[in-house]
Amino acid sequence: MMSELKEFKAEFFKALAHPMRIQILDILRDGEHSVNELRDILNVEAANVSQQLAILRTKNLVVYRKEGNCVYYSVRDPMIFQLLDVAKSIFNNHLINIRTILDVMEQ
């Protein structure tokens, strides 16, 4: 069971290992968006958005629904936002530490 959990975690973090996928998830905080809406917000080609969404979908991080010709995506489990928020806090703490070191070096 432990090896399965480790494998899940590794695959989960691989799914998050691209800046555009993180950006897509952050956009989906507001609720579902179509591929075209995501394309416009990200200012990239629809094919790029679709490629990243396919990875997120394969890893069960997003779900989709079709309405006519439009496909709408949303986050499967909103707890992902807690994880992204923790990552942001860790990043901010890292920056604070670097700034402190730089301040000490300048003295």
PDB file of N, CA and C in Angstrom:
ATOM      1  N   MET A   1       0.817  -1.202   0.000  1.00  0.00           N
ATOM      2  CA  MET A   1       0.000   0.000   0.000  1.00  0.00           C
ATOM      3  C   MET A   1       0.865   1.273   0.000  1.00  0.00           C
ATOM      4  N   MET A   2       1.983   1.234   0.750  1.00  0.00           N
ATOM      5  CA  MET A   2       2.860   2.399   0.805  1.00  0.00           C
ATOM      6  C   MET A   2       3.480   2.701  -0.555  1.00  0.00           C
ATOM      7  N   SER A   3       3.854   1.665  -1.291  1.00  0.00           N
ATOM      8  CA  SER A   3       4.456   1.905  -2.606  1.00  0.00           C
ATOM      9  C   SER A   3       3.423   2.493  -3.566  1.00  0.00           C
ATOM     10  N   GLU A   4       2.169   2.093  -3.434  1.00  0.00           N
ATOM     11  CA  GLU A   4       1.111   2.662  -4.272  1.00  0.00           C
ATOM     12  C   GLU A   4       0.899   4.134  -3.958  1.00  0.00           C
ATOM     13  N   LEU A   5       0.969   4.466  -2.677  1.00  0.00           N
ATOM     14  CA  LEU A   5       0.829   5.861  -2.279  1.00  0.00           C
ATOM     15  C   LEU A   5       1.991   6.690  -2.805  1.00  0.00           C
ATOM     16  N   LYS A   6       3.193   6.160  -2.709  1.00  0.00           N
ATOM     17  CA  LYS A   6       4.368   6.866  -3.223  1.00  0.00           C
ATOM     18  C   LYS A   6       4.250   7.077  -4.726  1.00  0.00           C
ATOM     19  N   GLU A   7       3.797   6.061  -5.423  1.00  0.00           N
ATOM     20  CA  GLU A   7       3.613   6.177  -6.879  1.00  0.00           C
ATOM     21  C   GLU A   7       2.554   7.228  -7.207  1.00  0.00           C
ATOM     22  N   PHE A   8       1.454   7.215  -6.455  1.00  0.00           N
ATOM     23  CA  PHE A   8       0.401   8.219  -6.661  1.00  0.00           C
ATOM     24  C   PHE A   8       0.955   9.621  -6.472  1.00  0.00           C
ATOM     25  N   LYS A   9       1.693   9.815  -5.384  1.00  0.00           N
ATOM     26  CA  LYS A   9       2.260  11.136  -5.113  1.00  0.00           C
ATOM     27  C   LYS A   9       3.204  11.570  -6.225  1.00  0.00           C
ATOM     28  N   ALA A  10       4.053  10.674  -6.678  1.00  0.00           N
ATOM     29  CA  ALA A  10       4.998  11.004  -7.744  1.00  0.00           C
ATOM     30  C   ALA A  10       4.264  11.410  -9.016  1.00  0.00           C
ATOM     31  N   GLU A  11       3.257  10.643  -9.398  1.00  0.00           N
ATOM     32  CA  GLU A  11       2.485  10.954 -10.604  1.00  0.00           C
ATOM     33  C   GLU A  11       1.688  12.251 -10.435  1.00  0.00           C
ATOM     34  N   PHE A  12       1.172  12.456  -9.244  1.00  0.00           N
ATOM     35  CA  PHE A  12       0.411  13.669  -8.937  1.00  0.00           C
ATOM     36  C   PHE A  12       1.289  14.901  -9.130  1.00  0.00           C
ATOM     37  N   PHE A  13       2.494  14.865  -8.563  1.00  0.00           N
ATOM     38  CA  PHE A  13       3.378  16.018  -8.689  1.00  0.00           C
ATOM     39  C   PHE A  13       3.925  16.175 -10.100  1.00  0.00           C
ATOM     40  N   LYS A  14       4.055  15.090 -10.836  1.00  0.00           N
ATOM     41  CA  LYS A  14       4.434  15.204 -12.251  1.00  0.00           C
ATOM     42  C   LYS A  14       3.376  15.991 -13.019  1.00  0.00           C
ATOM     43  N   ALA A  15       2.113  15.760 -12.669  1.00  0.00           N
ATOM     44  CA  ALA A  15       1.022  16.471 -13.342  1.00  0.00           C
ATOM     45  C   ALA A  15       1.086  17.967 -13.072  1.00  0.00           C
ATOM     46  N   LEU A  16       1.672  18.343 -11.950  1.00  0.00           N
ATOM     47  CA  LEU A  16       1.785  19.761 -11.589  1.00  0.00           C
ATOM     48  C   LEU A  16       3.099  20.379 -12.057  1.00  0.00           C
ATOM     49  N   ALA A  17       3.914  19.606 -12.748  1.00  0.00           N
ATOM     50  CA  ALA A  17       5.272  20.021 -13.077  1.00  0.00           C
ATOM     51  C   ALA A  17       5.378  20.843 -14.353  1.00  0.00           C
ATOM     52  N   HIS A  18       4.400  21.684 -14.606  1.00  0.00           N
ATOM     53  CA  HIS A  18       4.470  22.566 -15.769  1.00  0.00           C
ATOM     54  C   HIS A  18       3.783  23.879 -15.410  1.00  0.00           C
ATOM     55  N   PRO A  19       4.442  25.005 -15.645  1.00  0.00           N
ATOM     56  CA  PRO A  19       3.865  26.301 -15.257  1.00  0.00           C
ATOM     57  C   PRO A  19       2.471  26.557 -15.834  1.00  0.00           C
ATOM     58  N   MET A  20       2.223  26.132 -17.068  1.00  0.00           N
ATOM     59  CA  MET A  20       0.912  26.389 -17.653  1.00  0.00           C
ATOM     60  C   MET A  20      -0.173  25.569 -16.956  1.00  0.00           C
ATOM     61  N   ARG A  21       0.155  24.361 -16.532  1.00  0.00           N
ATOM     62  CA  ARG A  21      -0.842  23.549 -15.823  1.00  0.00           C
ATOM     63  C   ARG A  21      -1.191  24.184 -14.483  1.00  0.00           C
ATOM     64  N   ILE A  22      -0.184  24.726 -13.809  1.00  0.00           N
ATOM     65  CA  ILE A  22      -0.431  25.446 -12.552  1.00  0.00           C
ATOM     66  C   ILE A  22      -1.308  26.664 -12.824  1.00  0.00           C
ATOM     67  N   GLN A  23      -0.997  27.378 -13.881  1.00  0.00           N
ATOM     68  CA  GLN A  23      -1.761  28.575 -14.236  1.00  0.00           C
ATOM     69  C   GLN A  23      -3.205  28.211 -14.574  1.00  0.00           C
ATOM     70  N   ILE A  24      -3.411  27.137 -15.279  1.00  0.00           N
ATOM     71  CA  ILE A  24      -4.768  26.680 -15.604  1.00  0.00           C
ATOM     72  C   ILE A  24      -5.537  26.372 -14.322  1.00  0.00           C
ATOM     73  N   LEU A  25      -4.909  25.647 -13.415  1.00  0.00           N
ATOM     74  CA  LEU A  25      -5.576  25.327 -12.151  1.00  0.00           C
ATOM     75  C   LEU A  25      -5.924  26.593 -11.382  1.00  0.00           C
ATOM     76  N   ASP A  26      -5.016  27.561 -11.364  1.00  0.00           N
ATOM     77  CA  ASP A  26      -5.307  28.817 -10.676  1.00  0.00           C
ATOM     78  C   ASP A  26      -6.486  29.545 -11.321  1.00  0.00           C
ATOM     79  N   ILE A  27      -6.575  29.510 -12.620  1.00  0.00           N
ATOM     80  CA  ILE A  27      -7.704  30.139 -13.321  1.00  0.00           C
ATOM     81  C   ILE A  27      -9.013  29.427 -12.961  1.00  0.00           C
ATOM     82  N   LEU A  28      -8.941  28.115 -12.835  1.00  0.00           N
ATOM     83  CA  LEU A  28     -10.140  27.340 -12.536  1.00  0.00           C
ATOM     84  C   LEU A  28     -10.619  27.511 -11.090  1.00  0.00           C
ATOM     85  N   ARG A  29      -9.901  28.261 -10.290  1.00  0.00           N
ATOM     86  CA  ARG A  29     -10.384  28.595  -8.946  1.00  0.00           C
ATOM     87  C   ARG A  29     -11.732  29.309  -9.020  1.00  0.00           C
ATOM     88  N   ASP A  30     -11.884  30.103 -10.063  1.00  0.00           N
ATOM     89  CA  ASP A  30     -13.113  30.892 -10.231  1.00  0.00           C
ATOM     90  C   ASP A  30     -14.289  30.058 -10.718  1.00  0.00           C
ATOM     91  N   GLY A  31     -14.057  28.816 -11.055  1.00  0.00           N
ATOM     92  CA  GLY A  31     -15.098  27.964 -11.605  1.00  0.00           C
ATOM     93  C   GLY A  31     -14.711  27.487 -12.983  1.00  0.00           C
ATOM     94  N   GLU A  32     -15.634  26.808 -13.625  1.00  0.00           N
ATOM     95  CA  GLU A  32     -15.309  26.204 -14.914  1.00  0.00           C
ATOM     96  C   GLU A  32     -15.091  27.247 -15.995  1.00  0.00           C
ATOM     97  N   HIS A  33     -14.250  26.847 -16.945  1.00  0.00           N
ATOM     98  CA  HIS A  33     -13.940  27.685 -18.101  1.00  0.00           C
ATOM     99  C   HIS A  33     -13.850  26.791 -19.330  1.00  0.00           C
ATOM    100  N   SER A  34     -14.193  27.377 -20.464  1.00  0.00           N
ATOM    101  CA  SER A  34     -14.045  26.643 -21.722  1.00  0.00           C
ATOM    102  C   SER A  34     -12.586  26.716 -22.174  1.00  0.00           C
ATOM    103  N   VAL A  35     -12.246  25.856 -23.103  1.00  0.00           N
ATOM    104  CA  VAL A  35     -10.899  25.878 -23.674  1.00  0.00           C
ATOM    105  C   VAL A  35     -10.630  27.246 -24.289  1.00  0.00           C
ATOM    106  N   ASN A  36     -11.610  27.803 -24.993  1.00  0.00           N
ATOM    107  CA  ASN A  36     -11.423  29.113 -25.625  1.00  0.00           C
ATOM    108  C   ASN A  36     -11.209  30.214 -24.584  1.00  0.00           C
ATOM    109  N   GLU A  37     -11.946  30.151 -23.475  1.00  0.00           N
ATOM    110  CA  GLU A  37     -11.746  31.143 -22.414  1.00  0.00           C
ATOM    111  C   GLU A  37     -10.338  31.025 -21.832  1.00  0.00           C
ATOM    112  N   LEU A  38      -9.911  29.785 -21.592  1.00  0.00           N
ATOM    113  CA  LEU A  38      -8.564  29.569 -21.071  1.00  0.00           C
ATOM    114  C   LEU A  38      -7.515  30.062 -22.060  1.00  0.00           C
ATOM    115  N   ARG A  39      -7.734  29.790 -23.332  1.00  0.00           N
ATOM    116  CA  ARG A  39      -6.810  30.250 -24.374  1.00  0.00           C
ATOM    117  C   ARG A  39      -6.683  31.775 -24.341  1.00  0.00           C
ATOM    118  N   ASP A  40      -7.819  32.451 -24.228  1.00  0.00           N
ATOM    119  CA  ASP A  40      -7.802  33.914 -24.213  1.00  0.00           C
ATOM    120  C   ASP A  40      -7.120  34.463 -22.966  1.00  0.00           C
ATOM    121  N   ILE A  41      -7.388  33.867 -21.826  1.00  0.00           N
ATOM    122  CA  ILE A  41      -6.780  34.324 -20.572  1.00  0.00           C
ATOM    123  C   ILE A  41      -5.275  34.105 -20.591  1.00  0.00           C
ATOM    124  N   LEU A  42      -4.861  32.930 -21.076  1.00  0.00           N
ATOM    125  CA  LEU A  42      -3.439  32.579 -21.097  1.00  0.00           C
ATOM    126  C   LEU A  42      -2.698  33.196 -22.277  1.00  0.00           C
ATOM    127  N   ASN A  43      -3.456  33.618 -23.287  1.00  0.00           N
ATOM    128  CA  ASN A  43      -2.878  34.203 -24.495  1.00  0.00           C
ATOM    129  C   ASN A  43      -1.913  33.227 -25.180  1.00  0.00           C
ATOM    130  N   VAL A  44      -2.394  31.986 -25.356  1.00  0.00           N
ATOM    131  CA  VAL A  44      -1.634  30.948 -26.051  1.00  0.00           C
ATOM    132  C   VAL A  44      -2.569  30.250 -27.034  1.00  0.00           C
ATOM    133  N   GLU A  45      -2.004  29.415 -27.858  1.00  0.00           N
ATOM    134  CA  GLU A  45      -2.795  28.661 -28.833  1.00  0.00           C
ATOM    135  C   GLU A  45      -3.696  27.649 -28.120  1.00  0.00           C
ATOM    136  N   ALA A  46      -4.871  27.418 -28.686  1.00  0.00           N
ATOM    137  CA  ALA A  46      -5.815  26.458 -28.119  1.00  0.00           C
ATOM    138  C   ALA A  46      -5.201  25.063 -28.023  1.00  0.00           C
ATOM    139  N   ALA A  47      -4.346  24.706 -28.991  1.00  0.00           N
ATOM    140  CA  ALA A  47      -3.711  23.389 -28.971  1.00  0.00           C
ATOM    141  C   ALA A  47      -2.834  23.223 -27.732  1.00  0.00           C
ATOM    142  N   ASN A  48      -2.142  24.288 -27.328  1.00  0.00           N
ATOM    143  CA  ASN A  48      -1.307  24.231 -26.127  1.00  0.00           C
ATOM    144  C   ASN A  48      -2.162  24.032 -24.881  1.00  0.00           C
ATOM    145  N   VAL A  49      -3.260  24.769 -24.815  1.00  0.00           N
ATOM    146  CA  VAL A  49      -4.176  24.633 -23.674  1.00  0.00           C
ATOM    147  C   VAL A  49      -4.742  23.219 -23.633  1.00  0.00           C
ATOM    148  N   SER A  50      -5.186  22.734 -24.780  1.00  0.00           N
ATOM    149  CA  SER A  50      -5.766  21.387 -24.845  1.00  0.00           C
ATOM    150  C   SER A  50      -4.765  20.322 -24.427  1.00  0.00           C
ATOM    151  N   GLN A  51      -3.525  20.481 -24.830  1.00  0.00           N
ATOM    152  CA  GLN A  51      -2.484  19.520 -24.470  1.00  0.00           C
ATOM    153  C   GLN A  51      -2.297  19.474 -22.951  1.00  0.00           C
ATOM    154  N   GLN A  52      -2.240  20.639 -22.327  1.00  0.00           N
ATOM    155  CA  GLN A  52      -2.051  20.686 -20.877  1.00  0.00           C
ATOM    156  C   GLN A  52      -3.289  20.186 -20.132  1.00  0.00           C
ATOM    157  N   LEU A  53      -4.461  20.498 -20.662  1.00  0.00           N
ATOM    158  CA  LEU A  53      -5.697  20.006 -20.051  1.00  0.00           C
ATOM    159  C   LEU A  53      -5.786  18.482 -20.149  1.00  0.00           C
ATOM    160  N   ALA A  54      -5.308  17.929 -21.245  1.00  0.00           N
ATOM    161  CA  ALA A  54      -5.329  16.473 -21.402  1.00  0.00           C
ATOM    162  C   ALA A  54      -4.494  15.799 -20.315  1.00  0.00           C
ATOM    163  N   ILE A  55      -3.359  16.386 -19.989  1.00  0.00           N
ATOM    164  CA  ILE A  55      -2.515  15.830 -18.920  1.00  0.00           C
ATOM    165  C   ILE A  55      -3.226  15.944 -17.584  1.00  0.00           C
ATOM    166  N   LEU A  56      -3.802  17.105 -17.314  1.00  0.00           N
ATOM    167  CA  LEU A  56      -4.535  17.288 -16.056  1.00  0.00           C
ATOM    168  C   LEU A  56      -5.721  16.334 -15.969  1.00  0.00           C
ATOM    169  N   ARG A  57      -6.376  16.112 -17.085  1.00  0.00           N
ATOM    170  CA  ARG A  57      -7.525  15.198 -17.129  1.00  0.00           C
ATOM    171  C   ARG A  57      -7.080  13.758 -16.905  1.00  0.00           C
ATOM    172  N   THR A  58      -5.981  13.361 -17.551  1.00  0.00           N
ATOM    173  CA  THR A  58      -5.449  12.004 -17.401  1.00  0.00           C
ATOM    174  C   THR A  58      -5.094  11.717 -15.945  1.00  0.00           C
ATOM    175  N   LYS A  59      -4.613  12.723 -15.245  1.00  0.00           N
ATOM    176  CA  LYS A  59      -4.216  12.563 -13.836  1.00  0.00           C
ATOM    177  C   LYS A  59      -5.383  12.845 -12.884  1.00  0.00           C
ATOM    178  N   ASN A  60      -6.587  12.988 -13.446  1.00  0.00           N
ATOM    179  CA  ASN A  60      -7.811  13.197 -12.661  1.00  0.00           C
ATOM    180  C   ASN A  60      -7.806  14.472 -11.830  1.00  0.00           C
ATOM    181  N   LEU A  61      -7.118  15.491 -12.301  1.00  0.00           N
ATOM    182  CA  LEU A  61      -7.120  16.766 -11.599  1.00  0.00           C
ATOM    183  C   LEU A  61      -8.230  17.681 -12.086  1.00  0.00           C
ATOM    184  N   VAL A  62      -8.672  17.479 -13.319  1.00  0.00           N
ATOM    185  CA  VAL A  62      -9.790  18.257 -13.849  1.00  0.00           C
ATOM    186  C   VAL A  62     -10.819  17.316 -14.456  1.00  0.00           C
ATOM    187  N   VAL A  63     -12.030  17.826 -14.540  1.00  0.00           N
ATOM    188  CA  VAL A  63     -13.116  17.122 -15.211  1.00  0.00           C
ATOM    189  C   VAL A  63     -13.670  18.057 -16.279  1.00  0.00           C
ATOM    190  N   TYR A  64     -14.403  17.490 -17.206  1.00  0.00           N
ATOM    191  CA  TYR A  64     -14.955  18.337 -18.264  1.00  0.00           C
ATOM    192  C   TYR A  64     -16.391  17.941 -18.566  1.00  0.00           C
ATOM    193  N   ARG A  65     -17.083  18.880 -19.195  1.00  0.00           N
ATOM    194  CA  ARG A  65     -18.429  18.610 -19.696  1.00  0.00           C
ATOM    195  C   ARG A  65     -18.560  19.315 -21.042  1.00  0.00           C
ATOM    196  N   LYS A  66     -19.341  18.700 -21.904  1.00  0.00           N
ATOM    197  CA  LYS A  66     -19.563  19.280 -23.229  1.00  0.00           C
ATOM    198  C   LYS A  66     -20.929  19.950 -23.249  1.00  0.00           C
ATOM    199  N   GLU A  67     -20.938  21.101 -23.892  1.00  0.00           N
ATOM    200  CA  GLU A  67     -22.189  21.813 -24.132  1.00  0.00           C
ATOM    201  C   GLU A  67     -22.125  22.334 -25.564  1.00  0.00           C
ATOM    202  N   GLY A  68     -22.815  21.655 -26.451  1.00  0.00           N
ATOM    203  CA  GLY A  68     -22.720  21.987 -27.865  1.00  0.00           C
ATOM    204  C   GLY A  68     -21.314  21.733 -28.357  1.00  0.00           C
ATOM    205  N   ASN A  69     -20.702  22.761 -28.946  1.00  0.00           N
ATOM    206  CA  ASN A  69     -19.328  22.640 -29.440  1.00  0.00           C
ATOM    207  C   ASN A  69     -18.283  23.010 -28.395  1.00  0.00           C
ATOM    208  N   CYS A  70     -18.736  23.479 -27.247  1.00  0.00           N
ATOM    209  CA  CYS A  70     -17.800  23.926 -26.211  1.00  0.00           C
ATOM    210  C   CYS A  70     -17.545  22.827 -25.184  1.00  0.00           C
ATOM    211  N   VAL A  71     -16.304  22.782 -24.725  1.00  0.00           N
ATOM    212  CA  VAL A  71     -15.918  21.879 -23.647  1.00  0.00           C
ATOM    213  C   VAL A  71     -15.516  22.753 -22.466  1.00  0.00           C
ATOM    214  N   TYR A  72     -16.134  22.498 -21.321  1.00  0.00           N
ATOM    215  CA  TYR A  72     -15.880  23.267 -20.112  1.00  0.00           C
ATOM    216  C   TYR A  72     -15.129  22.406 -19.111  1.00  0.00           C
ATOM    217  N   TYR A  73     -14.098  23.001 -18.508  1.00  0.00           N
ATOM    218  CA  TYR A  73     -13.269  22.291 -17.539  1.00  0.00           C
ATOM    219  C   TYR A  73     -13.436  22.898 -16.160  1.00  0.00           C
ATOM    220  N   SER A  74     -13.334  22.025 -15.161  1.00  0.00           N
ATOM    221  CA  SER A  74     -13.329  22.460 -13.766  1.00  0.00           C
ATOM    222  C   SER A  74     -12.420  21.525 -12.981  1.00  0.00           C
ATOM    223  N   VAL A  75     -12.086  21.932 -11.779  1.00  0.00           N
ATOM    224  CA  VAL A  75     -11.206  21.145 -10.921  1.00  0.00           C
ATOM    225  C   VAL A  75     -12.018  20.035 -10.261  1.00  0.00           C
ATOM    226  N   ARG A  76     -11.470  18.835 -10.279  1.00  0.00           N
ATOM    227  CA  ARG A  76     -12.148  17.679  -9.679  1.00  0.00           C
ATOM    228  C   ARG A  76     -12.232  17.816  -8.156  1.00  0.00           C
ATOM    229  N   ASP A  77     -11.120  18.171  -7.523  1.00  0.00           N
ATOM    230  CA  ASP A  77     -11.073  18.249  -6.068  1.00  0.00           C
ATOM    231  C   ASP A  77     -10.516  19.610  -5.664  1.00  0.00           C
ATOM    232  N   PRO A  78     -11.349  20.478  -5.091  1.00  0.00           N
ATOM    233  CA  PRO A  78     -10.893  21.828  -4.722  1.00  0.00           C
ATOM    234  C   PRO A  78      -9.748  21.849  -3.702  1.00  0.00           C
ATOM    235  N   MET A  79      -9.444  20.724  -3.080  1.00  0.00           N
ATOM    236  CA  MET A  79      -8.308  20.698  -2.147  1.00  0.00           C
ATOM    237  C   MET A  79      -6.995  20.992  -2.853  1.00  0.00           C
ATOM    238  N   ILE A  80      -6.969  20.856  -4.163  1.00  0.00           N
ATOM    239  CA  ILE A  80      -5.757  21.176  -4.926  1.00  0.00           C
ATOM    240  C   ILE A  80      -5.351  22.626  -4.692  1.00  0.00           C
ATOM    241  N   PHE A  81      -6.341  23.490  -4.464  1.00  0.00           N
ATOM    242  CA  PHE A  81      -6.037  24.900  -4.234  1.00  0.00           C
ATOM    243  C   PHE A  81      -5.294  25.103  -2.912  1.00  0.00           C
ATOM    244  N   GLN A  82      -5.582  24.282  -1.924  1.00  0.00           N
ATOM    245  CA  GLN A  82      -4.850  24.354  -0.656  1.00  0.00           C
ATOM    246  C   GLN A  82      -3.384  24.014  -0.891  1.00  0.00           C
ATOM    247  N   LEU A  83      -3.155  22.994  -1.696  1.00  0.00           N
ATOM    248  CA  LEU A  83      -1.785  22.601  -2.015  1.00  0.00           C
ATOM    249  C   LEU A  83      -1.053  23.723  -2.750  1.00  0.00           C
ATOM    250  N   LEU A  84      -1.721  24.336  -3.719  1.00  0.00           N
ATOM    251  CA  LEU A  84      -1.101  25.438  -4.459  1.00  0.00           C
ATOM    252  C   LEU A  84      -0.827  26.624  -3.543  1.00  0.00           C
ATOM    253  N   ASP A  85      -1.726  26.871  -2.595  1.00  0.00           N
ATOM    254  CA  ASP A  85      -1.526  27.969  -1.643  1.00  0.00           C
ATOM    255  C   ASP A  85      -0.340  27.689  -0.721  1.00  0.00           C
ATOM    256  N   VAL A  86      -0.186  26.442  -0.298  1.00  0.00           N
ATOM    257  CA  VAL A  86       0.964  26.074   0.539  1.00  0.00           C
ATOM    258  C   VAL A  86       2.256  26.255  -0.261  1.00  0.00           C
ATOM    259  N   ALA A  87       2.245  25.842  -1.515  1.00  0.00           N
ATOM    260  CA  ALA A  87       3.437  26.015  -2.366  1.00  0.00           C
ATOM    261  C   ALA A  87       3.787  27.495  -2.489  1.00  0.00           C
ATOM    262  N   LYS A  88       2.779  28.339  -2.617  1.00  0.00           N
ATOM    263  CA  LYS A  88       3.015  29.788  -2.706  1.00  0.00           C
ATOM    264  C   LYS A  88       3.621  30.307  -1.400  1.00  0.00           C
ATOM    265  N   SER A  89       3.141  29.828  -0.278  1.00  0.00           N
ATOM    266  CA  SER A  89       3.689  30.239   1.023  1.00  0.00           C
ATOM    267  C   SER A  89       5.140  29.809   1.169  1.00  0.00           C
ATOM    268  N   ILE A  90       5.442  28.602   0.749  1.00  0.00           N
ATOM    269  CA  ILE A  90       6.824  28.113   0.806  1.00  0.00           C
ATOM    270  C   ILE A  90       7.718  28.989  -0.075  1.00  0.00           C
ATOM    271  N   PHE A  91       7.234  29.326  -1.256  1.00  0.00           N
ATOM    272  CA  PHE A  91       7.982  30.197  -2.166  1.00  0.00           C
ATOM    273  C   PHE A  91       8.237  31.554  -1.519  1.00  0.00           C
ATOM    274  N   ASN A  92       7.197  32.129  -0.918  1.00  0.00           N
ATOM    275  CA  ASN A  92       7.344  33.434  -0.266  1.00  0.00           C
ATOM    276  C   ASN A  92       8.342  33.363   0.889  1.00  0.00           C
ATOM    277  N   ASN A  93       8.287  32.291   1.669  1.00  0.00           N
ATOM    278  CA  ASN A  93       9.252  32.113   2.764  1.00  0.00           C
ATOM    279  C   ASN A  93      10.672  32.010   2.213  1.00  0.00           C
ATOM    280  N   HIS A  94      10.815  31.331   1.104  1.00  0.00           N
ATOM    281  CA  HIS A  94      12.121  31.197   0.466  1.00  0.00           C
ATOM    282  C   HIS A  94      12.644  32.576   0.044  1.00  0.00           C
ATOM    283  N   LEU A  95      11.774  33.394  -0.527  1.00  0.00           N
ATOM    284  CA  LEU A  95      12.178  34.741  -0.940  1.00  0.00           C
ATOM    285  C   LEU A  95      12.581  35.589   0.262  1.00  0.00           C
ATOM    286  N   ILE A  96      11.847  35.464   1.347  1.00  0.00           N
ATOM    287  CA  ILE A  96      12.181  36.222   2.552  1.00  0.00           C
ATOM    288  C   ILE A  96      13.564  35.828   3.054  1.00  0.00           C
ATOM    289  N   ASN A  97      13.847  34.530   3.047  1.00  0.00           N
ATOM    290  CA  ASN A  97      15.170  34.060   3.486  1.00  0.00           C
ATOM    291  C   ASN A  97      16.275  34.598   2.582  1.00  0.00           C
ATOM    292  N   ILE A  98      16.041  34.602   1.291  1.00  0.00           N
ATOM    293  CA  ILE A  98      17.044  35.116   0.347  1.00  0.00           C
ATOM    294  C   ILE A  98      17.264  36.609   0.566  1.00  0.00           C
ATOM    295  N   ARG A  99      16.178  37.352   0.772  1.00  0.00           N
ATOM    296  CA  ARG A  99      16.307  38.786   1.014  1.00  0.00           C
ATOM    297  C   ARG A  99      17.086  39.062   2.288  1.00  0.00           C
ATOM    298  N   THR A 100      16.834  38.277   3.312  1.00  0.00           N
ATOM    299  CA  THR A 100      17.560  38.431   4.578  1.00  0.00           C
ATOM    300  C   THR A 100      19.047  38.198   4.373  1.00  0.00           C
ATOM    301  N   ILE A 101      19.384  37.152   3.646  1.00  0.00           N
ATOM    302  CA  ILE A 101      20.799  36.860   3.355  1.00  0.00           C
ATOM    303  C   ILE A 101      21.431  38.001   2.574  1.00  0.00           C
ATOM    304  N   LEU A 102      20.722  38.502   1.570  1.00  0.00           N
ATOM    305  CA  LEU A 102      21.247  39.621   0.773  1.00  0.00           C
ATOM    306  C   LEU A 102      21.441  40.873   1.620  1.00  0.00           C
ATOM    307  N   ASP A 103      20.495  41.143   2.517  1.00  0.00           N
ATOM    308  CA  ASP A 103      20.618  42.314   3.401  1.00  0.00           C
ATOM    309  C   ASP A 103      21.854  42.199   4.285  1.00  0.00           C
ATOM    310  N   VAL A 104      22.096  40.993   4.806  1.00  0.00           N
ATOM    311  CA  VAL A 104      23.269  40.761   5.665  1.00  0.00           C
ATOM    312  C   VAL A 104      24.543  40.930   4.851  1.00  0.00           C
ATOM    313  N   MET A 105      24.557  40.477   3.625  1.00  0.00           N
ATOM    314  CA  MET A 105      25.742  40.575   2.781  1.00  0.00           C
ATOM    315  C   MET A 105      26.054  42.028   2.418  1.00  0.00           C
ATOM    316  N   GLU A 106      25.030  42.848   2.299  1.00  0.00           N
ATOM    317  CA  GLU A 106      25.226  44.249   1.931  1.00  0.00           C
ATOM    318  C   GLU A 106      25.784  45.073   3.077  1.00  0.00           C
ATOM    319  N   GLN A 107      25.666  44.584   4.290  1.00  0.00           N
ATOM    320  CA  GLN A 107      26.121  45.376   5.451  1.00  0.00           C
ATOM    321  C   GLN A 107      27.605  45.339   5.611  1.00  0.00           C
TER     322      GLN A 107
END
